[in-house]
Amino acid sequence: MSRWEPDAEGRLGKAAITLFAEQGYDETTVAEIAEAAGLTKRTFFRYFSDKREVLFNGSHELAERWIGGIEAAPEDAGPMAAVSVGLDEVAELFADRHAFARLRSRIIAANPELQERELIKLQSLAGAIQAALVDRGVSVNAAILASQASVTVFHVAFAHWVEQDDPAALRRLMDESLEELRSVTAA
């Protein structure tokens, strides 16, 4: 593959995921990823700060979509209703990414360093959701609770989603997790 072909970032991502799955995350080097993509190490570092970031490259888009949904929620929507509108955007984001998400999930599950990074990214996402809710006029404590709960709902549903063969099931699984949360918190 020529270095001048388009979508260097996408090619690097595909090469990295393939190599991580075939030979393991720890055993894969940046040089191998770049070579498999037909690029140089220098090009790799133009797009990613390290090989971990290949797996977490979409976290910014995830946050943007979710926050956009929260901002678009009706003004009278409560915190969890606003968060749920954001979940619509999240489901749309992942609509055609099931195979990638499944493989990514397995790679992360096999590596404690990546599991830790995943939790850090989820906590950062919760912080962004909290800020969006506070901007809507939600009290800080309610925003903390809603953001943490919604990220947990997403995380649980996502884990179920990557384990099944229905790429369209993510939104349904998030709804089911939301309902289960309501059930376990009912007085």
N, C-alpha and C. Protein backbone atom coordinates (compact mmCIF):
# COMPACT_ATOMS: atom_id res chain seq x y z
N MET A 1 0.85 -1.18 0.00
CA MET A 1 0.00 0.00 0.00
C MET A 1 0.90 1.24 0.00
N SER A 2 0.60 2.16 -0.84
CA SER A 2 1.39 3.37 -0.97
C SER A 2 1.16 4.30 0.21
N ARG A 3 2.23 5.00 0.60
CA ARG A 3 2.10 5.97 1.69
C ARG A 3 1.21 7.13 1.28
N TRP A 4 0.98 7.29 0.00
CA TRP A 4 0.24 8.44 -0.48
C TRP A 4 -1.24 8.15 -0.64
N GLU A 5 -1.66 6.96 -0.30
CA GLU A 5 -3.08 6.65 -0.35
C GLU A 5 -3.81 7.42 0.74
N PRO A 6 -5.09 7.73 0.53
CA PRO A 6 -5.82 8.54 1.51
C PRO A 6 -6.11 7.79 2.81
N ASP A 7 -6.57 8.54 3.80
CA ASP A 7 -7.01 8.03 5.10
C ASP A 7 -5.91 7.32 5.88
N ALA A 8 -4.81 8.01 6.05
CA ALA A 8 -3.70 7.44 6.82
C ALA A 8 -4.15 7.07 8.23
N GLU A 9 -4.92 7.94 8.85
CA GLU A 9 -5.38 7.67 10.22
C GLU A 9 -6.22 6.40 10.29
N GLY A 10 -7.14 6.25 9.36
CA GLY A 10 -7.98 5.05 9.32
C GLY A 10 -7.16 3.80 9.04
N ARG A 11 -6.22 3.90 8.13
CA ARG A 11 -5.35 2.75 7.83
C ARG A 11 -4.53 2.36 9.05
N LEU A 12 -4.01 3.34 9.77
CA LEU A 12 -3.24 3.04 10.98
C LEU A 12 -4.12 2.36 12.03
N GLY A 13 -5.34 2.86 12.18
CA GLY A 13 -6.27 2.27 13.15
C GLY A 13 -6.60 0.83 12.82
N LYS A 14 -6.89 0.57 11.55
CA LYS A 14 -7.21 -0.81 11.13
C LYS A 14 -6.02 -1.73 11.31
N ALA A 15 -4.85 -1.24 10.95
CA ALA A 15 -3.64 -2.06 11.10
C ALA A 15 -3.38 -2.37 12.57
N ALA A 16 -3.54 -1.37 13.41
CA ALA A 16 -3.30 -1.57 14.85
C ALA A 16 -4.26 -2.59 15.44
N ILE A 17 -5.54 -2.43 15.16
CA ILE A 17 -6.54 -3.35 15.70
C ILE A 17 -6.26 -4.78 15.23
N THR A 18 -5.94 -4.92 13.96
CA THR A 18 -5.64 -6.25 13.42
C THR A 18 -4.44 -6.86 14.13
N LEU A 19 -3.39 -6.09 14.28
CA LEU A 19 -2.18 -6.61 14.94
C LEU A 19 -2.43 -6.88 16.42
N PHE A 20 -3.15 -5.99 17.10
CA PHE A 20 -3.47 -6.22 18.52
C PHE A 20 -4.23 -7.54 18.67
N ALA A 21 -5.17 -7.78 17.78
CA ALA A 21 -5.98 -9.00 17.86
C ALA A 21 -5.15 -10.24 17.53
N GLU A 22 -4.26 -10.13 16.57
CA GLU A 22 -3.47 -11.28 16.13
C GLU A 22 -2.34 -11.64 17.09
N GLN A 23 -1.61 -10.63 17.55
CA GLN A 23 -0.40 -10.93 18.32
C GLN A 23 -0.40 -10.35 19.73
N GLY A 24 -1.45 -9.64 20.08
CA GLY A 24 -1.56 -9.06 21.42
C GLY A 24 -1.12 -7.60 21.44
N TYR A 25 -1.72 -6.86 22.34
CA TYR A 25 -1.43 -5.43 22.45
C TYR A 25 0.02 -5.20 22.85
N ASP A 26 0.48 -5.86 23.91
CA ASP A 26 1.84 -5.64 24.41
C ASP A 26 2.90 -6.05 23.40
N GLU A 27 2.60 -7.04 22.59
CA GLU A 27 3.57 -7.56 21.64
C GLU A 27 3.64 -6.75 20.35
N THR A 28 2.73 -5.83 20.16
CA THR A 28 2.67 -5.04 18.94
C THR A 28 3.40 -3.72 19.12
N THR A 29 4.26 -3.38 18.18
CA THR A 29 5.00 -2.12 18.25
C THR A 29 4.41 -1.09 17.30
N VAL A 30 4.71 0.15 17.56
CA VAL A 30 4.28 1.24 16.68
C VAL A 30 4.89 1.04 15.29
N ALA A 31 6.13 0.60 15.23
CA ALA A 31 6.78 0.37 13.94
C ALA A 31 6.01 -0.69 13.13
N GLU A 32 5.55 -1.74 13.79
CA GLU A 32 4.79 -2.78 13.10
C GLU A 32 3.45 -2.24 12.59
N ILE A 33 2.82 -1.42 13.40
CA ILE A 33 1.54 -0.83 12.99
C ILE A 33 1.75 0.04 11.75
N ALA A 34 2.75 0.91 11.80
CA ALA A 34 3.03 1.80 10.67
C ALA A 34 3.36 1.00 9.42
N GLU A 35 4.19 -0.02 9.57
CA GLU A 35 4.56 -0.84 8.42
C GLU A 35 3.34 -1.54 7.82
N ALA A 36 2.48 -2.10 8.68
CA ALA A 36 1.29 -2.80 8.19
C ALA A 36 0.34 -1.84 7.46
N ALA A 37 0.37 -0.57 7.84
CA ALA A 37 -0.48 0.43 7.18
C ALA A 37 0.21 1.04 5.96
N GLY A 38 1.46 0.65 5.72
CA GLY A 38 2.20 1.21 4.59
C GLY A 38 2.66 2.63 4.85
N LEU A 39 2.91 2.94 6.12
CA LEU A 39 3.30 4.30 6.53
C LEU A 39 4.55 4.24 7.40
N THR A 40 5.00 5.39 7.85
CA THR A 40 6.18 5.45 8.71
C THR A 40 5.77 5.67 10.16
N LYS A 41 6.70 5.38 11.07
CA LYS A 41 6.46 5.66 12.50
C LYS A 41 6.16 7.14 12.70
N ARG A 42 6.86 7.96 11.98
CA ARG A 42 6.66 9.40 12.10
C ARG A 42 5.22 9.77 11.77
N THR A 43 4.67 9.15 10.74
CA THR A 43 3.27 9.40 10.36
C THR A 43 2.35 8.92 11.47
N PHE A 44 2.65 7.77 12.05
CA PHE A 44 1.83 7.27 13.16
C PHE A 44 1.70 8.34 14.25
N PHE A 45 2.83 8.94 14.62
CA PHE A 45 2.83 9.92 15.71
C PHE A 45 2.21 11.26 15.32
N ARG A 46 1.93 11.47 14.07
CA ARG A 46 1.17 12.66 13.66
C ARG A 46 -0.30 12.51 14.07
N TYR A 47 -0.75 11.27 14.14
CA TYR A 47 -2.16 11.00 14.43
C TYR A 47 -2.42 10.52 15.86
N PHE A 48 -1.46 9.83 16.45
CA PHE A 48 -1.65 9.23 17.77
C PHE A 48 -0.43 9.49 18.64
N SER A 49 -0.69 9.83 19.91
CA SER A 49 0.43 10.08 20.83
C SER A 49 1.12 8.78 21.24
N ASP A 50 0.38 7.69 21.26
CA ASP A 50 0.94 6.37 21.55
C ASP A 50 -0.04 5.32 21.04
N LYS A 51 0.34 4.06 21.14
CA LYS A 51 -0.51 3.02 20.56
C LYS A 51 -1.82 2.83 21.32
N ARG A 52 -1.88 3.23 22.59
CA ARG A 52 -3.15 3.16 23.33
C ARG A 52 -4.21 4.03 22.69
N GLU A 53 -3.79 5.18 22.22
CA GLU A 53 -4.75 6.14 21.69
C GLU A 53 -5.47 5.65 20.44
N VAL A 54 -4.90 4.66 19.76
CA VAL A 54 -5.61 4.07 18.63
C VAL A 54 -6.95 3.50 19.10
N LEU A 55 -6.94 2.88 20.28
CA LEU A 55 -8.15 2.25 20.82
C LEU A 55 -9.13 3.26 21.40
N PHE A 56 -8.65 4.45 21.75
CA PHE A 56 -9.50 5.44 22.41
C PHE A 56 -9.70 6.69 21.55
N ASN A 57 -9.41 6.57 20.29
CA ASN A 57 -9.46 7.69 19.37
C ASN A 57 -10.86 8.30 19.24
N GLY A 58 -11.91 7.53 19.40
CA GLY A 58 -13.26 8.03 19.23
C GLY A 58 -13.90 8.62 20.47
N SER A 59 -13.16 8.68 21.58
CA SER A 59 -13.79 9.14 22.83
C SER A 59 -14.24 10.59 22.75
N HIS A 60 -13.53 11.41 22.01
CA HIS A 60 -13.92 12.82 21.87
C HIS A 60 -15.24 12.93 21.10
N GLU A 61 -15.36 12.14 20.04
CA GLU A 61 -16.61 12.15 19.26
C GLU A 61 -17.77 11.63 20.08
N LEU A 62 -17.53 10.60 20.88
CA LEU A 62 -18.58 10.07 21.76
C LEU A 62 -19.09 11.16 22.69
N ALA A 63 -18.18 11.88 23.34
CA ALA A 63 -18.58 12.95 24.25
C ALA A 63 -19.33 14.06 23.51
N GLU A 64 -18.82 14.45 22.35
CA GLU A 64 -19.49 15.51 21.58
C GLU A 64 -20.92 15.13 21.21
N ARG A 65 -21.09 13.90 20.75
CA ARG A 65 -22.43 13.44 20.36
C ARG A 65 -23.37 13.42 21.55
N TRP A 66 -22.89 12.85 22.66
CA TRP A 66 -23.74 12.74 23.85
C TRP A 66 -24.12 14.13 24.36
N ILE A 67 -23.15 15.01 24.44
CA ILE A 67 -23.41 16.38 24.92
C ILE A 67 -24.35 17.10 23.95
N GLY A 68 -24.16 16.89 22.66
CA GLY A 68 -25.07 17.49 21.67
C GLY A 68 -26.50 17.05 21.89
N GLY A 69 -26.69 15.77 22.20
CA GLY A 69 -28.03 15.27 22.50
C GLY A 69 -28.61 15.90 23.75
N ILE A 70 -27.79 16.04 24.77
CA ILE A 70 -28.25 16.67 26.02
C ILE A 70 -28.66 18.12 25.75
N GLU A 71 -27.85 18.82 24.99
CA GLU A 71 -28.16 20.22 24.67
C GLU A 71 -29.43 20.35 23.83
N ALA A 72 -29.73 19.35 23.02
CA ALA A 72 -30.91 19.39 22.16
C ALA A 72 -32.19 18.92 22.87
N ALA A 73 -32.04 18.38 24.07
CA ALA A 73 -33.20 17.89 24.81
C ALA A 73 -34.14 19.06 25.13
N PRO A 74 -35.44 18.78 25.21
CA PRO A 74 -36.38 19.85 25.57
C PRO A 74 -35.97 20.52 26.88
N GLU A 75 -36.24 21.82 26.97
CA GLU A 75 -35.83 22.59 28.15
C GLU A 75 -36.41 22.04 29.45
N ASP A 76 -37.61 21.47 29.37
CA ASP A 76 -38.25 20.97 30.59
C ASP A 76 -37.86 19.52 30.92
N ALA A 77 -36.96 18.93 30.14
CA ALA A 77 -36.53 17.55 30.39
C ALA A 77 -35.69 17.50 31.67
N GLY A 78 -35.97 16.53 32.50
CA GLY A 78 -35.17 16.33 33.70
C GLY A 78 -33.79 15.79 33.33
N PRO A 79 -32.90 15.68 34.31
CA PRO A 79 -31.53 15.24 34.02
C PRO A 79 -31.44 13.89 33.30
N MET A 80 -32.16 12.89 33.78
CA MET A 80 -32.07 11.58 33.14
C MET A 80 -32.75 11.56 31.77
N ALA A 81 -33.80 12.36 31.61
CA ALA A 81 -34.44 12.45 30.29
C ALA A 81 -33.49 13.12 29.29
N ALA A 82 -32.78 14.15 29.72
CA ALA A 82 -31.82 14.82 28.85
C ALA A 82 -30.68 13.88 28.49
N VAL A 83 -30.21 13.14 29.47
CA VAL A 83 -29.15 12.16 29.24
C VAL A 83 -29.62 11.11 28.25
N SER A 84 -30.87 10.71 28.35
CA SER A 84 -31.43 9.70 27.45
C SER A 84 -31.47 10.19 26.01
N VAL A 85 -31.74 11.47 25.81
CA VAL A 85 -31.69 12.03 24.46
C VAL A 85 -30.26 11.91 23.93
N GLY A 86 -29.30 12.14 24.81
CA GLY A 86 -27.90 11.97 24.42
C GLY A 86 -27.58 10.54 24.05
N LEU A 87 -28.23 9.58 24.72
CA LEU A 87 -28.01 8.17 24.39
C LEU A 87 -28.49 7.83 22.97
N ASP A 88 -29.49 8.55 22.49
CA ASP A 88 -29.92 8.36 21.10
C ASP A 88 -28.75 8.65 20.15
N GLU A 89 -28.05 9.73 20.43
CA GLU A 89 -26.89 10.11 19.62
C GLU A 89 -25.77 9.08 19.72
N VAL A 90 -25.58 8.55 20.91
CA VAL A 90 -24.55 7.54 21.12
C VAL A 90 -24.87 6.28 20.32
N ALA A 91 -26.10 5.85 20.37
CA ALA A 91 -26.51 4.66 19.62
C ALA A 91 -26.29 4.87 18.13
N GLU A 92 -26.59 6.06 17.65
CA GLU A 92 -26.39 6.36 16.23
C GLU A 92 -24.90 6.31 15.87
N LEU A 93 -24.07 6.82 16.75
CA LEU A 93 -22.62 6.82 16.53
C LEU A 93 -22.10 5.40 16.33
N PHE A 94 -22.61 4.46 17.10
CA PHE A 94 -22.11 3.08 17.05
C PHE A 94 -22.89 2.18 16.08
N ALA A 95 -23.83 2.74 15.36
CA ALA A 95 -24.72 1.94 14.51
C ALA A 95 -23.98 1.00 13.56
N ASP A 96 -22.89 1.45 13.01
CA ASP A 96 -22.16 0.60 12.05
C ASP A 96 -20.77 0.20 12.55
N ARG A 97 -20.60 0.20 13.87
CA ARG A 97 -19.27 -0.07 14.44
C ARG A 97 -19.24 -1.31 15.33
N HIS A 98 -20.21 -2.19 15.19
CA HIS A 98 -20.31 -3.34 16.09
C HIS A 98 -19.08 -4.25 16.02
N ALA A 99 -18.67 -4.62 14.83
CA ALA A 99 -17.52 -5.54 14.69
C ALA A 99 -16.27 -4.92 15.30
N PHE A 100 -16.03 -3.65 15.01
CA PHE A 100 -14.88 -2.95 15.58
C PHE A 100 -14.99 -2.88 17.09
N ALA A 101 -16.17 -2.52 17.60
CA ALA A 101 -16.37 -2.38 19.05
C ALA A 101 -16.15 -3.71 19.76
N ARG A 102 -16.60 -4.78 19.16
CA ARG A 102 -16.42 -6.11 19.75
C ARG A 102 -14.94 -6.46 19.85
N LEU A 103 -14.22 -6.25 18.78
CA LEU A 103 -12.79 -6.55 18.77
C LEU A 103 -12.03 -5.65 19.75
N ARG A 104 -12.35 -4.37 19.73
CA ARG A 104 -11.73 -3.41 20.65
C ARG A 104 -11.97 -3.82 22.09
N SER A 105 -13.19 -4.22 22.40
CA SER A 105 -13.55 -4.62 23.76
C SER A 105 -12.71 -5.82 24.22
N ARG A 106 -12.51 -6.77 23.34
CA ARG A 106 -11.71 -7.95 23.69
C ARG A 106 -10.25 -7.59 23.93
N ILE A 107 -9.73 -6.68 23.12
CA ILE A 107 -8.35 -6.24 23.29
C ILE A 107 -8.19 -5.55 24.63
N ILE A 108 -9.11 -4.67 24.97
CA ILE A 108 -9.05 -3.95 26.24
C ILE A 108 -9.21 -4.91 27.41
N ALA A 109 -10.12 -5.85 27.32
CA ALA A 109 -10.35 -6.81 28.41
C ALA A 109 -9.12 -7.66 28.70
N ALA A 110 -8.26 -7.83 27.73
CA ALA A 110 -7.07 -8.67 27.90
C ALA A 110 -5.87 -7.91 28.47
N ASN A 111 -6.04 -6.61 28.75
CA ASN A 111 -4.89 -5.81 29.17
C ASN A 111 -5.28 -4.86 30.30
N PRO A 112 -4.76 -5.07 31.52
CA PRO A 112 -5.11 -4.20 32.65
C PRO A 112 -4.81 -2.72 32.43
N GLU A 113 -3.72 -2.41 31.73
CA GLU A 113 -3.39 -1.01 31.45
C GLU A 113 -4.47 -0.36 30.61
N LEU A 114 -4.99 -1.10 29.64
CA LEU A 114 -6.05 -0.57 28.78
C LEU A 114 -7.37 -0.48 29.53
N GLN A 115 -7.63 -1.41 30.43
CA GLN A 115 -8.83 -1.35 31.26
C GLN A 115 -8.82 -0.07 32.11
N GLU A 116 -7.65 0.23 32.66
CA GLU A 116 -7.51 1.45 33.46
C GLU A 116 -7.76 2.68 32.59
N ARG A 117 -7.20 2.68 31.40
CA ARG A 117 -7.39 3.81 30.47
C ARG A 117 -8.87 3.97 30.11
N GLU A 118 -9.56 2.85 29.92
CA GLU A 118 -10.99 2.87 29.61
C GLU A 118 -11.77 3.53 30.75
N LEU A 119 -11.44 3.19 31.97
CA LEU A 119 -12.12 3.79 33.13
C LEU A 119 -11.84 5.29 33.23
N ILE A 120 -10.62 5.69 32.92
CA ILE A 120 -10.28 7.12 32.92
C ILE A 120 -11.09 7.85 31.87
N LYS A 121 -11.20 7.27 30.68
CA LYS A 121 -11.97 7.90 29.61
C LYS A 121 -13.45 7.99 29.99
N LEU A 122 -13.98 6.94 30.62
CA LEU A 122 -15.39 6.97 31.05
C LEU A 122 -15.61 8.04 32.12
N GLN A 123 -14.65 8.20 33.01
CA GLN A 123 -14.78 9.23 34.04
C GLN A 123 -14.73 10.62 33.42
N SER A 124 -13.90 10.79 32.41
CA SER A 124 -13.84 12.06 31.69
C SER A 124 -15.17 12.34 30.99
N LEU A 125 -15.76 11.29 30.41
CA LEU A 125 -17.06 11.42 29.77
C LEU A 125 -18.12 11.84 30.79
N ALA A 126 -18.09 11.23 31.96
CA ALA A 126 -19.04 11.59 33.03
C ALA A 126 -18.88 13.06 33.41
N GLY A 127 -17.64 13.54 33.46
CA GLY A 127 -17.40 14.95 33.78
C GLY A 127 -17.99 15.87 32.73
N ALA A 128 -17.88 15.50 31.46
CA ALA A 128 -18.44 16.32 30.39
C ALA A 128 -19.97 16.33 30.46
N ILE A 129 -20.55 15.19 30.75
CA ILE A 129 -22.01 15.10 30.89
C ILE A 129 -22.47 15.93 32.08
N GLN A 130 -21.76 15.82 33.18
CA GLN A 130 -22.08 16.61 34.37
C GLN A 130 -22.08 18.10 34.03
N ALA A 131 -21.05 18.56 33.35
CA ALA A 131 -20.96 19.99 32.99
C ALA A 131 -22.12 20.40 32.09
N ALA A 132 -22.50 19.54 31.15
CA ALA A 132 -23.62 19.86 30.26
C ALA A 132 -24.93 19.95 31.04
N LEU A 133 -25.09 19.08 32.02
CA LEU A 133 -26.30 19.12 32.84
C LEU A 133 -26.33 20.38 33.72
N VAL A 134 -25.20 20.73 34.30
CA VAL A 134 -25.13 21.96 35.10
C VAL A 134 -25.44 23.17 34.23
N ASP A 135 -24.94 23.15 32.99
CA ASP A 135 -25.25 24.25 32.06
C ASP A 135 -26.74 24.36 31.78
N ARG A 136 -27.46 23.25 31.92
CA ARG A 136 -28.92 23.25 31.72
C ARG A 136 -29.65 23.71 32.98
N GLY A 137 -28.92 23.98 34.05
CA GLY A 137 -29.55 24.43 35.28
C GLY A 137 -29.76 23.33 36.31
N VAL A 138 -29.22 22.16 36.08
CA VAL A 138 -29.34 21.05 37.03
C VAL A 138 -28.36 21.32 38.18
N SER A 139 -28.78 21.03 39.40
CA SER A 139 -27.88 21.22 40.54
C SER A 139 -26.66 20.32 40.39
N VAL A 140 -25.57 20.73 41.01
CA VAL A 140 -24.32 19.98 40.88
C VAL A 140 -24.49 18.55 41.36
N ASN A 141 -25.12 18.35 42.53
CA ASN A 141 -25.28 16.99 43.04
C ASN A 141 -26.13 16.13 42.10
N ALA A 142 -27.22 16.68 41.61
CA ALA A 142 -28.07 15.93 40.68
C ALA A 142 -27.32 15.64 39.38
N ALA A 143 -26.52 16.60 38.93
CA ALA A 143 -25.73 16.40 37.71
C ALA A 143 -24.68 15.30 37.89
N ILE A 144 -24.06 15.27 39.05
CA ILE A 144 -23.09 14.21 39.35
C ILE A 144 -23.78 12.85 39.32
N LEU A 145 -24.89 12.75 40.03
CA LEU A 145 -25.61 11.47 40.07
C LEU A 145 -26.08 11.04 38.69
N ALA A 146 -26.65 11.95 37.94
CA ALA A 146 -27.17 11.60 36.61
C ALA A 146 -26.04 11.24 35.65
N SER A 147 -24.94 11.97 35.71
CA SER A 147 -23.84 11.68 34.79
C SER A 147 -23.18 10.35 35.12
N GLN A 148 -22.95 10.08 36.41
CA GLN A 148 -22.34 8.80 36.79
C GLN A 148 -23.28 7.64 36.45
N ALA A 149 -24.55 7.81 36.74
CA ALA A 149 -25.52 6.75 36.45
C ALA A 149 -25.62 6.50 34.95
N SER A 150 -25.64 7.56 34.17
CA SER A 150 -25.78 7.38 32.72
C SER A 150 -24.55 6.73 32.10
N VAL A 151 -23.38 7.08 32.57
CA VAL A 151 -22.17 6.44 32.05
C VAL A 151 -22.15 4.96 32.45
N THR A 152 -22.62 4.65 33.63
CA THR A 152 -22.72 3.24 34.05
C THR A 152 -23.72 2.50 33.18
N VAL A 153 -24.85 3.11 32.91
CA VAL A 153 -25.86 2.51 32.03
C VAL A 153 -25.23 2.23 30.66
N PHE A 154 -24.54 3.21 30.11
CA PHE A 154 -23.88 3.03 28.82
C PHE A 154 -22.86 1.90 28.88
N HIS A 155 -22.03 1.90 29.90
CA HIS A 155 -20.95 0.91 30.03
C HIS A 155 -21.52 -0.51 30.13
N VAL A 156 -22.56 -0.69 30.93
CA VAL A 156 -23.18 -2.01 31.09
C VAL A 156 -23.83 -2.45 29.78
N ALA A 157 -24.58 -1.56 29.15
CA ALA A 157 -25.25 -1.90 27.89
C ALA A 157 -24.23 -2.20 26.79
N PHE A 158 -23.18 -1.42 26.74
CA PHE A 158 -22.15 -1.61 25.73
C PHE A 158 -21.49 -2.98 25.89
N ALA A 159 -21.21 -3.36 27.13
CA ALA A 159 -20.60 -4.68 27.39
C ALA A 159 -21.52 -5.80 26.92
N HIS A 160 -22.82 -5.65 27.13
CA HIS A 160 -23.77 -6.66 26.64
C HIS A 160 -23.83 -6.65 25.11
N TRP A 161 -23.81 -5.47 24.54
CA TRP A 161 -23.92 -5.32 23.10
C TRP A 161 -22.78 -6.00 22.35
N VAL A 162 -21.55 -5.82 22.82
CA VAL A 162 -20.42 -6.40 22.10
C VAL A 162 -20.36 -7.92 22.24
N GLU A 163 -21.12 -8.46 23.18
CA GLU A 163 -21.13 -9.91 23.36
C GLU A 163 -22.23 -10.60 22.55
N GLN A 164 -23.10 -9.84 21.92
CA GLN A 164 -24.16 -10.47 21.13
C GLN A 164 -24.00 -10.14 19.66
N ASP A 165 -24.80 -10.79 18.84
CA ASP A 165 -24.67 -10.67 17.39
C ASP A 165 -25.67 -9.73 16.74
N ASP A 166 -26.26 -8.83 17.52
CA ASP A 166 -27.24 -7.90 16.98
C ASP A 166 -26.66 -6.49 16.98
N PRO A 167 -26.08 -6.05 15.85
CA PRO A 167 -25.47 -4.72 15.80
C PRO A 167 -26.44 -3.58 16.10
N ALA A 168 -27.74 -3.80 15.90
CA ALA A 168 -28.73 -2.74 16.10
C ALA A 168 -29.28 -2.70 17.52
N ALA A 169 -28.78 -3.53 18.41
CA ALA A 169 -29.37 -3.68 19.74
C ALA A 169 -28.89 -2.66 20.78
N LEU A 170 -27.90 -1.84 20.48
CA LEU A 170 -27.32 -0.99 21.53
C LEU A 170 -28.36 -0.09 22.19
N ARG A 171 -29.18 0.60 21.42
CA ARG A 171 -30.15 1.52 22.03
C ARG A 171 -31.14 0.75 22.89
N ARG A 172 -31.60 -0.39 22.42
CA ARG A 172 -32.52 -1.21 23.21
C ARG A 172 -31.85 -1.63 24.52
N LEU A 173 -30.61 -2.03 24.45
CA LEU A 173 -29.88 -2.45 25.66
C LEU A 173 -29.67 -1.29 26.63
N MET A 174 -29.44 -0.10 26.10
CA MET A 174 -29.32 1.08 26.97
C MET A 174 -30.66 1.38 27.64
N ASP A 175 -31.75 1.27 26.89
CA ASP A 175 -33.08 1.47 27.48
C ASP A 175 -33.35 0.44 28.57
N GLU A 176 -33.01 -0.82 28.32
CA GLU A 176 -33.21 -1.87 29.33
C GLU A 176 -32.37 -1.60 30.57
N SER A 177 -31.15 -1.15 30.38
CA SER A 177 -30.30 -0.82 31.53
C SER A 177 -30.85 0.37 32.31
N LEU A 178 -31.37 1.37 31.59
CA LEU A 178 -32.00 2.51 32.27
C LEU A 178 -33.19 2.04 33.10
N GLU A 179 -33.99 1.17 32.54
CA GLU A 179 -35.16 0.65 33.25
C GLU A 179 -34.74 -0.17 34.48
N GLU A 180 -33.71 -0.96 34.33
CA GLU A 180 -33.21 -1.72 35.48
C GLU A 180 -32.67 -0.80 36.56
N LEU A 181 -32.02 0.28 36.15
CA LEU A 181 -31.55 1.26 37.13
C LEU A 181 -32.72 1.87 37.89
N ARG A 182 -33.75 2.23 37.17
CA ARG A 182 -34.95 2.78 37.84
C ARG A 182 -35.53 1.76 38.80
N SER A 183 -35.54 0.50 38.41
CA SER A 183 -36.08 -0.56 39.25
C SER A 183 -35.27 -0.74 40.54
N VAL A 184 -33.95 -0.75 40.41
CA VAL A 184 -33.12 -1.00 41.62
C VAL A 184 -33.04 0.23 42.52
N THR A 185 -33.36 1.41 42.00
CA THR A 185 -33.32 2.61 42.85
C THR A 185 -34.69 3.03 43.37
N ALA A 186 -35.74 2.33 42.95
CA ALA A 186 -37.09 2.67 43.42
C ALA A 186 -37.17 2.43 44.92
N ALA A 187 -37.81 3.36 45.60
CA ALA A 187 -37.91 3.25 47.07
C ALA A 187 -38.90 2.17 47.46
